[in-house]
């Protein structure tokens, strides 16, 4: 397959996957708040370190519920799980504008509850939707489309993100930015998710016939144990799963860290919208490039190399880069991340049996959730340790979204004398090098250097 072949789905791919792509695009187009999600919390919460706590609650919910919801999806239906999860997440997003109006600890409590709903909805969707799609393709005899699906979903999501960023630009630069305006953007995102659910409801759910030798499992507990056993007994699957967890930890705070690093370097917060558009333009093309490269050089080899290059790139922080150097670094890392995630997801599902697809996918997602919570928790500790100095260097919500920040401010520093956010990005990205040995171990037996 060449890059030209992969830019637009052929008729058969559109028939099998088109509605999944459309649903994803609709959700992303109306998710106008997404580029500002963390910075919104960072600026509107009463204390800076509170901004990461709702995200930790969201990830902790995923941590607790991911495996049970995956098992339920395998037993009683992936489609109903996806639809239910979308409804729960939409409710959580729609309540956020009301939650932030509270004061004191109540504000933190209510906002955290909204993110609990968002996290619970994610667990119902994540492993179930991937299993739904891959088994639909297997039933149609088109397993060759699996890697294209994971790449294309990222690409269509990015296309929607470009349109969402354009809407955000129109809103933010054509009207006075108030907390109420930003609150309505959360409601718009919830509405987009409801439209996506309506589209997904029209897609049938199919499963291939059980192959000889596949375990016949009855009972939720047995299904869960069988999932863990499958991972532990298949060395390539285990090695890849460990690498994915490490990579998740490595990327846990990249977006949040870059948001703070850019805003406190003097970036108008509204500029996060065009920056998000650039992010999505990269995301439209990079996953498709990843499919071609993975088929050419092997998935695990590609994944290993694409952990090493970003680790070398973030060493630029030792040179104390200015605003535009950090912007370029951010976009450079976006390119590698946009390739890494869909290639890893597609390769993971190549190694999972159909009967346990949602369960094993959820196990890996839950382990990744542990890594995400750990990463965000460490980031919160770093921010909390310098809370007063960081708060003094942070603009208020309206100022940040009105072009009132135009000069570089002095952030509190940490190890090596680096600003605390630069240090966090550096350390977390370097931690991703820990995934490389496991990827190389997975490559020996899984793809032999080719896939």
Protein backbone atom coordinates (compact mmCIF):
# COMPACT_ATOMS: atom_id res chain seq x y z
CA UNK A 1 0.00 0.00 0.00
CA UNK A 2 1.26 3.49 -0.88
CA UNK A 3 0.43 6.78 0.80
CA UNK A 4 -1.71 7.83 -2.18
CA UNK A 5 -3.85 4.70 -1.78
CA UNK A 6 -4.60 5.48 1.85
CA UNK A 7 -5.73 9.12 1.70
CA UNK A 8 -9.41 8.36 1.03
CA UNK A 9 -11.37 5.15 1.76
CA UNK A 10 -12.47 3.03 -1.19
CA UNK A 11 -16.15 2.04 -1.61
CA UNK A 12 -15.82 -1.19 0.40
CA UNK A 13 -14.09 0.59 3.26
CA UNK A 14 -16.73 3.33 3.21
CA UNK A 15 -19.47 0.70 3.40
CA UNK A 16 -17.91 -1.08 6.37
CA UNK A 17 -16.46 1.87 8.28
CA UNK A 18 -17.92 5.07 6.84
CA UNK A 19 -20.47 5.65 9.60
CA UNK A 20 -17.83 5.17 12.28
CA UNK A 21 -15.74 7.85 10.55
CA UNK A 22 -18.71 10.21 10.24
CA UNK A 23 -19.69 9.79 13.90
CA UNK A 24 -16.14 10.54 15.01
CA UNK A 25 -15.96 13.60 12.75
CA UNK A 26 -19.26 15.01 14.02
CA UNK A 27 -18.18 14.66 17.63
CA UNK A 28 -14.84 16.33 16.96
CA UNK A 29 -16.30 19.18 14.87
CA UNK A 30 -18.52 20.31 17.75
CA UNK A 31 -15.95 19.66 20.47
CA UNK A 32 -14.80 23.28 20.23
CA UNK A 33 -13.75 23.40 23.88
CA UNK A 34 -11.16 20.62 23.55
CA UNK A 35 -8.09 22.81 22.78
CA UNK A 36 -8.89 24.80 25.94
CA UNK A 37 -9.98 21.94 28.23
CA UNK A 38 -7.05 21.96 30.60
CA UNK A 39 -6.24 25.66 30.37
CA UNK A 40 -9.93 26.40 31.10
CA UNK A 41 -9.68 24.45 34.35
CA UNK A 42 -6.25 25.90 35.12
CA UNK A 43 -7.59 29.44 34.84
CA UNK A 44 -11.07 29.03 36.34
CA UNK A 45 -10.38 26.81 39.36
CA UNK A 46 -9.64 28.62 42.62
CA UNK A 47 -6.18 27.09 42.98
CA UNK A 48 -3.84 26.16 40.08
CA UNK A 49 -3.15 22.63 41.31
CA UNK A 50 -6.90 21.93 41.43
CA UNK A 51 -6.94 21.96 37.63
CA UNK A 52 -5.33 18.53 37.43
CA UNK A 53 -7.46 16.90 40.14
CA UNK A 54 -10.61 16.50 37.98
CA UNK A 55 -8.39 14.94 35.31
CA UNK A 56 -7.04 12.56 37.94
CA UNK A 57 -10.61 11.67 38.93
CA UNK A 58 -11.42 11.00 35.29
CA UNK A 59 -8.41 8.73 34.90
CA UNK A 60 -9.02 7.02 38.26
CA UNK A 61 -12.56 6.20 37.12
CA UNK A 62 -11.15 4.67 33.97
CA UNK A 63 -8.72 2.77 36.16
CA UNK A 64 -11.48 1.21 38.27
CA UNK A 65 -14.13 0.60 35.61
CA UNK A 66 -12.18 -0.21 32.42
CA UNK A 67 -11.95 -4.00 32.86
CA UNK A 68 -15.51 -4.56 34.17
CA UNK A 69 -17.01 -2.56 31.30
CA UNK A 70 -14.84 -4.41 28.77
CA UNK A 71 -15.98 -7.78 30.10
CA UNK A 72 -19.62 -6.66 30.01
CA UNK A 73 -19.18 -5.48 26.41
CA UNK A 74 -17.79 -8.89 25.39
CA UNK A 75 -20.68 -10.65 27.09
CA UNK A 76 -23.70 -8.48 26.27
CA UNK A 77 -22.80 -6.31 23.32
CA UNK A 78 -20.25 -3.74 22.22
CA UNK A 79 -22.81 -1.49 20.50
CA UNK A 80 -25.00 -0.92 23.57
CA UNK A 81 -21.87 -0.27 25.62
CA UNK A 82 -20.66 2.42 23.19
CA UNK A 83 -24.04 4.16 23.07
CA UNK A 84 -24.41 4.13 26.87
CA UNK A 85 -20.91 5.50 27.32
CA UNK A 86 -21.54 8.37 24.94
CA UNK A 87 -24.69 9.37 26.83
CA UNK A 88 -22.89 9.36 30.19
CA UNK A 89 -19.97 11.42 28.88
CA UNK A 90 -22.33 13.95 27.26
CA UNK A 91 -24.08 14.42 30.61
CA UNK A 92 -20.77 15.06 32.36
CA UNK A 93 -19.62 17.62 29.79
CA UNK A 94 -22.94 19.46 29.86
CA UNK A 95 -22.81 19.91 33.65
CA UNK A 96 -19.31 21.43 33.79
CA UNK A 97 -20.40 25.08 33.24
CA UNK A 98 -22.68 24.79 36.27
CA UNK A 99 -20.09 23.01 38.40
CA UNK A 100 -17.43 25.72 38.06
CA UNK A 101 -19.84 28.34 39.46
CA UNK A 102 -19.50 26.82 42.93
CA UNK A 103 -16.94 28.19 45.36
CA UNK A 104 -14.36 26.69 47.66
CA UNK A 105 -14.12 22.91 48.02
CA UNK A 106 -17.60 22.53 46.51
CA UNK A 107 -16.22 23.74 43.18
CA UNK A 108 -13.58 21.03 43.18
CA UNK A 109 -16.14 18.40 44.25
CA UNK A 110 -18.72 19.24 41.56
CA UNK A 111 -16.20 19.59 38.74
CA UNK A 112 -14.58 16.31 39.77
CA UNK A 113 -18.00 14.61 39.61
CA UNK A 114 -18.47 15.84 36.04
CA UNK A 115 -15.12 14.35 35.09
CA UNK A 116 -16.08 11.12 36.88
CA UNK A 117 -19.04 10.86 34.49
CA UNK A 118 -16.74 11.60 31.56
CA UNK A 119 -14.32 8.88 32.67
CA UNK A 120 -17.07 6.32 33.20
CA UNK A 121 -18.42 7.05 29.73
CA UNK A 122 -14.96 6.57 28.27
CA UNK A 123 -14.62 3.12 29.83
CA UNK A 124 -17.89 2.02 28.25
CA UNK A 125 -16.70 3.19 24.84
CA UNK A 126 -12.94 2.57 24.60
CA UNK A 127 -12.39 -1.19 24.38
CA UNK A 128 -15.94 -1.85 23.18
CA UNK A 129 -15.79 0.33 20.06
CA UNK A 130 -12.45 -1.08 18.93
CA UNK A 131 -13.73 -4.63 19.45
CA UNK A 132 -16.97 -3.79 17.61
CA UNK A 133 -15.08 -2.46 14.59
CA UNK A 134 -12.40 -5.16 14.38
CA UNK A 135 -14.94 -7.99 14.66
CA UNK A 136 -17.19 -6.36 12.07
CA UNK A 137 -14.20 -6.32 9.71
CA UNK A 138 -13.34 -9.93 10.57
CA UNK A 139 -16.92 -11.01 9.85
CA UNK A 140 -16.68 -9.31 6.45
CA UNK A 141 -13.34 -10.98 5.71
CA UNK A 142 -11.50 -7.62 5.70
CA UNK A 143 -8.97 -7.87 8.52
CA UNK A 144 -6.60 -6.06 6.17
CA UNK A 145 -8.51 -2.85 6.96
CA UNK A 146 -7.77 -2.91 10.70
CA UNK A 147 -4.63 -0.79 10.59
CA UNK A 148 -6.30 1.60 8.15
CA UNK A 149 -9.22 1.96 10.57
CA UNK A 150 -7.04 3.02 13.49
CA UNK A 151 -5.11 5.44 11.32
CA UNK A 152 -8.19 6.76 9.56
CA UNK A 153 -10.11 7.34 12.81
CA UNK A 154 -7.26 9.52 14.01
CA UNK A 155 -7.24 11.27 10.64
CA UNK A 156 -11.00 11.94 10.54
CA UNK A 157 -10.94 13.04 14.19
CA UNK A 158 -8.25 15.51 13.23
CA UNK A 159 -10.30 16.72 10.26
CA UNK A 160 -13.12 17.40 12.70
CA UNK A 161 -10.62 19.09 14.99
CA UNK A 162 -9.56 21.46 12.20
CA UNK A 163 -13.18 22.49 11.74
CA UNK A 164 -13.67 22.79 15.51
CA UNK A 165 -10.60 24.98 15.78
CA UNK A 166 -11.92 27.20 13.00
CA UNK A 167 -15.23 27.58 14.85
CA UNK A 168 -13.32 28.37 18.04
CA UNK A 169 -11.31 31.05 16.26
CA UNK A 170 -14.50 32.63 14.93
CA UNK A 171 -16.10 32.67 18.37
CA UNK A 172 -13.08 33.82 20.36
CA UNK A 173 -12.06 36.63 18.02
CA UNK A 174 -15.56 37.89 17.14
CA UNK A 175 -17.01 38.26 20.64
CA UNK A 176 -15.97 39.25 24.12
CA UNK A 177 -14.75 36.16 25.89
CA UNK A 178 -16.59 35.48 29.12
CA UNK A 179 -16.86 32.47 31.36
CA UNK A 180 -20.42 32.02 30.09
CA UNK A 181 -19.23 31.86 26.46
CA UNK A 182 -16.65 29.23 27.33
CA UNK A 183 -19.29 27.36 29.31
CA UNK A 184 -21.53 27.14 26.24
CA UNK A 185 -18.68 25.50 24.38
CA UNK A 186 -18.89 22.59 26.83
CA UNK A 187 -22.60 22.26 26.03
CA UNK A 188 -21.84 22.34 22.31
CA UNK A 189 -19.37 19.47 22.77
CA UNK A 190 -22.02 17.46 24.63
CA UNK A 191 -24.51 18.05 21.79
CA UNK A 192 -21.95 16.86 19.23
CA UNK A 193 -21.46 13.66 21.21
CA UNK A 194 -25.22 13.05 21.15
CA UNK A 195 -25.27 13.43 17.36
CA UNK A 196 -22.38 10.97 17.07
CA UNK A 197 -24.30 8.47 19.21
CA UNK A 198 -27.32 8.77 16.92
CA UNK A 199 -25.11 7.92 13.92
CA UNK A 200 -23.44 4.99 15.71
CA UNK A 201 -26.85 3.56 16.60
CA UNK A 202 -27.47 2.83 12.89
CA UNK A 203 -24.41 0.54 12.58
CA UNK A 204 -24.95 -3.22 13.06
CA UNK A 205 -22.80 -5.29 15.38
CA UNK A 206 -21.35 -8.53 13.99
CA UNK A 207 -18.99 -11.13 15.36
CA UNK A 208 -17.04 -13.80 13.47
CA UNK A 209 -17.76 -17.43 14.21
CA UNK A 210 -15.70 -18.83 17.06
CA UNK A 211 -12.65 -20.63 15.73
CA UNK A 212 -11.60 -24.11 16.83
CA UNK A 213 -9.26 -23.88 19.76
CA UNK A 214 -10.62 -20.55 21.03
CA UNK A 215 -11.62 -20.83 24.70
CA UNK A 216 -15.33 -21.02 25.45
CA UNK A 217 -15.80 -18.89 28.52
CA UNK A 218 -18.87 -18.55 30.71
CA UNK A 219 -19.10 -16.02 33.50
CA UNK A 220 -17.67 -12.55 33.93
CA UNK A 221 -14.95 -13.55 36.39
CA UNK A 222 -13.74 -16.36 34.13
CA UNK A 223 -13.70 -13.94 31.19
CA UNK A 224 -11.53 -11.53 33.16
CA UNK A 225 -9.07 -14.21 34.30
CA UNK A 226 -8.86 -15.60 30.77
CA UNK A 227 -7.94 -12.15 29.49
CA UNK A 228 -5.05 -11.83 31.93
CA UNK A 229 -3.88 -15.34 31.08
CA UNK A 230 -3.89 -14.61 27.36
CA UNK A 231 -1.69 -11.57 27.92
CA UNK A 232 0.75 -13.38 30.17
CA UNK A 233 1.08 -16.42 27.89
CA UNK A 234 1.65 -14.54 24.62
CA UNK A 235 5.05 -12.92 24.92
CA UNK A 236 4.64 -10.42 22.02
CA UNK A 237 1.28 -9.31 23.44
CA UNK A 238 2.72 -8.89 26.94
CA UNK A 239 5.75 -6.96 25.73
CA UNK A 240 3.65 -4.66 23.56
CA UNK A 241 1.17 -4.06 26.40
CA UNK A 242 3.99 -3.04 28.76
CA UNK A 243 5.42 -0.70 26.12
CA UNK A 244 2.01 0.94 25.61
CA UNK A 245 1.66 1.52 29.36
CA UNK A 246 5.10 3.14 29.57
CA UNK A 247 4.35 5.30 26.54
CA UNK A 248 1.08 6.40 28.16
CA UNK A 249 2.94 7.48 31.30
CA UNK A 250 5.45 9.32 29.13
CA UNK A 251 2.72 11.34 27.41
CA UNK A 252 0.56 11.85 30.49
CA UNK A 253 1.23 15.57 30.97
CA UNK A 254 2.49 16.70 27.56
CA UNK A 255 -0.64 18.65 26.59
CA UNK A 256 -1.10 20.23 30.01
CA UNK A 257 2.59 21.01 30.37
CA UNK A 258 2.79 22.65 26.96
CA UNK A 259 -0.40 24.67 27.62
CA UNK A 260 1.12 26.19 30.76
CA UNK A 261 4.56 26.60 29.17
CA UNK A 262 3.08 28.50 26.23
CA UNK A 263 0.60 30.71 28.12
CA UNK A 264 3.19 31.71 30.73
CA UNK A 265 5.68 32.48 27.93
CA UNK A 266 3.27 35.13 26.68
CA UNK A 267 1.01 33.23 24.27
CA UNK A 268 -2.50 34.65 24.00
CA UNK A 269 -4.70 31.74 25.17
CA UNK A 270 -6.91 32.25 22.11
CA UNK A 271 -3.89 31.21 20.02
CA UNK A 272 -4.41 27.69 21.37
CA UNK A 273 -7.21 27.44 18.77
CA UNK A 274 -4.99 27.93 15.67
CA UNK A 275 -2.35 25.83 17.37
CA UNK A 276 -4.98 23.14 17.77
CA UNK A 277 -5.77 23.46 14.05
CA UNK A 278 -2.11 22.85 13.21
CA UNK A 279 -2.16 19.89 15.61
CA UNK A 280 -5.15 18.45 13.75
CA UNK A 281 -3.72 19.12 10.30
CA UNK A 282 -0.73 17.03 11.35
CA UNK A 283 -3.13 14.44 12.75
CA UNK A 284 -4.95 14.17 9.42
CA UNK A 285 -1.84 13.05 7.55
CA UNK A 286 0.56 11.52 10.08
CA UNK A 287 -1.51 8.38 10.94
CA UNK A 288 -1.76 7.49 7.25
CA UNK A 289 1.99 7.90 6.92
CA UNK A 290 2.27 5.60 9.94
CA UNK A 291 0.32 2.82 8.17
CA UNK A 292 2.70 2.95 5.22
CA UNK A 293 5.82 3.04 7.41
CA UNK A 294 4.59 0.22 9.67
CA UNK A 295 3.92 -2.05 6.70
CA UNK A 296 7.30 -1.16 5.25
CA UNK A 297 9.54 -1.46 8.32
CA UNK A 298 7.46 -3.38 10.86
CA UNK A 299 5.18 -1.98 13.54
CA UNK A 300 7.35 -2.58 16.60
CA UNK A 301 10.52 -1.28 14.96
CA UNK A 302 8.68 1.90 13.98
CA UNK A 303 7.26 2.30 17.49
CA UNK A 304 10.71 1.95 19.06
CA UNK A 305 12.33 4.54 16.78
CA UNK A 306 9.44 6.93 17.35
CA UNK A 307 10.08 6.83 21.11
CA UNK A 308 13.77 7.62 20.72
CA UNK A 309 13.50 10.66 18.43
CA UNK A 310 11.16 12.69 20.71
CA UNK A 311 13.44 11.95 23.68
CA UNK A 312 16.30 13.55 21.79
CA UNK A 313 14.15 16.51 20.74
CA UNK A 314 13.13 17.57 24.26
CA UNK A 315 16.76 18.09 25.22
CA UNK A 316 16.26 21.53 23.66
CA UNK A 317 14.81 22.61 27.02
CA UNK A 318 18.37 22.78 28.34
CA UNK A 319 18.88 25.68 25.90
CA UNK A 320 16.02 27.64 27.52
CA UNK A 321 13.97 27.97 24.31
CA UNK A 322 11.68 30.91 23.67
CA UNK A 323 8.00 30.85 22.83
CA UNK A 324 8.24 29.92 19.15
CA UNK A 325 10.85 27.23 19.74
CA UNK A 326 8.45 25.61 22.22
CA UNK A 327 5.61 25.88 19.71
CA UNK A 328 7.72 24.09 17.08
CA UNK A 329 8.75 21.43 19.60
CA UNK A 330 5.10 20.85 20.50
CA UNK A 331 4.12 20.37 16.84
CA UNK A 332 7.14 18.10 16.27
CA UNK A 333 6.04 15.84 19.13
CA UNK A 334 2.45 15.89 17.87
CA UNK A 335 3.64 14.35 14.59
CA UNK A 336 5.28 11.40 16.33
CA UNK A 337 2.37 10.90 18.73
CA UNK A 338 -0.12 10.93 15.83
CA UNK A 339 1.74 8.04 14.26
CA UNK A 340 2.55 6.11 17.45
CA UNK A 341 -0.92 5.65 18.92
CA UNK A 342 -2.84 4.20 15.92
CA UNK A 343 0.07 1.93 14.91
CA UNK A 344 0.27 0.59 18.48
CA UNK A 345 -3.51 0.07 18.69
CA UNK A 346 -3.68 -1.76 15.36
CA UNK A 347 -0.74 -4.01 16.24
CA UNK A 348 -2.26 -4.78 19.64
CA UNK A 349 -5.53 -5.95 18.08
CA UNK A 350 -3.61 -8.13 15.64
CA UNK A 351 -2.52 -10.15 18.66
CA UNK A 352 -5.89 -10.45 20.47
CA UNK A 353 -8.42 -13.30 19.88
CA UNK A 354 -11.95 -12.18 18.97
CA UNK A 355 -13.73 -13.68 21.99
CA UNK A 356 -11.55 -11.64 24.37
CA UNK A 357 -11.06 -8.53 22.26
CA UNK A 358 -12.89 -5.99 24.45
CA UNK A 359 -11.66 -7.62 27.67
CA UNK A 360 -7.96 -7.60 26.75
CA UNK A 361 -8.24 -4.18 25.16
CA UNK A 362 -9.79 -2.91 28.39
CA UNK A 363 -7.06 -4.55 30.49
CA UNK A 364 -4.40 -2.71 28.51
CA UNK A 365 -6.44 0.50 28.70
CA UNK A 366 -6.81 0.12 32.44
CA UNK A 367 -3.10 -0.43 32.93
CA UNK A 368 -2.54 2.67 30.81
CA UNK A 369 -5.03 4.48 33.04
CA UNK A 370 -2.87 3.63 36.06
CA UNK A 371 0.10 5.13 34.26
CA UNK A 372 -1.89 8.21 33.29
CA UNK A 373 -3.12 8.80 36.84
CA UNK A 374 0.42 8.35 38.18
CA UNK A 375 1.78 10.82 35.65
CA UNK A 376 -0.89 13.45 36.30
CA UNK A 377 -0.48 12.93 40.05
CA UNK A 378 3.25 13.61 39.82
CA UNK A 379 2.51 16.69 37.74
CA UNK A 380 0.05 17.91 40.38
CA UNK A 381 2.71 17.47 43.06
CA UNK A 382 5.16 19.51 41.00
CA UNK A 383 2.59 22.29 40.56
CA UNK A 384 1.46 22.17 44.18
CA UNK A 385 5.02 22.42 45.47
CA UNK A 386 5.34 25.77 43.66
CA UNK A 387 1.67 26.76 43.94
CA UNK A 388 2.00 30.35 45.19
CA UNK A 389 4.77 31.30 42.76
CA UNK A 390 2.91 29.64 39.88
CA UNK A 391 -0.31 31.41 40.77
CA UNK A 392 1.50 34.76 40.77
CA UNK A 393 2.83 34.03 37.26
CA UNK A 394 -0.57 32.97 35.89
CA UNK A 395 -3.00 35.39 34.20
CA UNK A 396 -6.68 35.30 35.12
CA UNK A 397 -9.19 33.65 32.80
CA UNK A 398 -10.46 36.72 30.98
CA UNK A 399 -7.04 38.33 30.61
CA UNK A 400 -5.56 35.15 29.14
CA UNK A 401 -8.36 34.91 26.56
CA UNK A 402 -8.33 38.60 25.67
CA UNK A 403 -4.78 39.14 24.48
CA UNK A 404 -3.66 40.64 27.77
CA UNK A 405 -0.60 38.44 28.18
CA UNK A 406 2.23 39.67 25.98
CA UNK A 407 5.40 39.32 28.01
CA UNK A 408 7.39 36.39 29.31
CA UNK A 409 6.86 35.75 33.02
CA UNK A 410 9.27 34.10 35.42
CA UNK A 411 8.07 30.64 36.36
CA UNK A 412 9.32 28.84 39.46
CA UNK A 413 12.24 26.54 38.66
CA UNK A 414 13.17 22.98 39.57
CA UNK A 415 15.94 20.53 38.78
CA UNK A 416 18.73 21.85 36.49
CA UNK A 417 17.29 25.35 36.98
CA UNK A 418 14.57 24.63 34.39
CA UNK A 419 11.09 26.19 34.66
CA UNK A 420 8.87 23.68 36.40
CA UNK A 421 6.68 22.97 33.33
CA UNK A 422 9.71 22.56 31.04
CA UNK A 423 11.22 20.15 33.53
CA UNK A 424 8.01 18.11 33.70
CA UNK A 425 7.80 17.77 29.91
CA UNK A 426 11.48 16.82 29.69
CA UNK A 427 11.36 14.14 32.38
CA UNK A 428 8.14 12.54 31.17
CA UNK A 429 9.20 12.34 27.53
CA UNK A 430 12.57 10.87 28.52
CA UNK A 431 10.71 8.25 30.57
CA UNK A 432 9.31 6.94 27.29
CA UNK A 433 12.72 5.46 26.50
CA UNK A 434 11.80 2.73 28.96
CA UNK A 435 9.37 1.34 26.38
CA UNK A 436 12.08 0.68 23.79
CA UNK A 437 13.47 -2.62 25.22
CA UNK A 438 9.96 -4.06 25.46
CA UNK A 439 9.15 -3.07 21.89
CA UNK A 440 12.32 -4.75 20.68
CA UNK A 441 11.43 -7.88 22.68
CA UNK A 442 7.92 -7.89 21.16
CA UNK A 443 9.37 -7.52 17.67
CA UNK A 444 11.44 -10.71 17.85
CA UNK A 445 8.41 -12.98 17.70
CA UNK A 446 5.51 -10.81 16.63
CA UNK A 447 6.53 -9.27 13.34
CA UNK A 448 10.17 -10.24 12.82
CA UNK A 449 10.83 -6.69 11.69
CA UNK A 450 7.99 -6.71 9.13
CA UNK A 451 4.28 -6.30 9.43
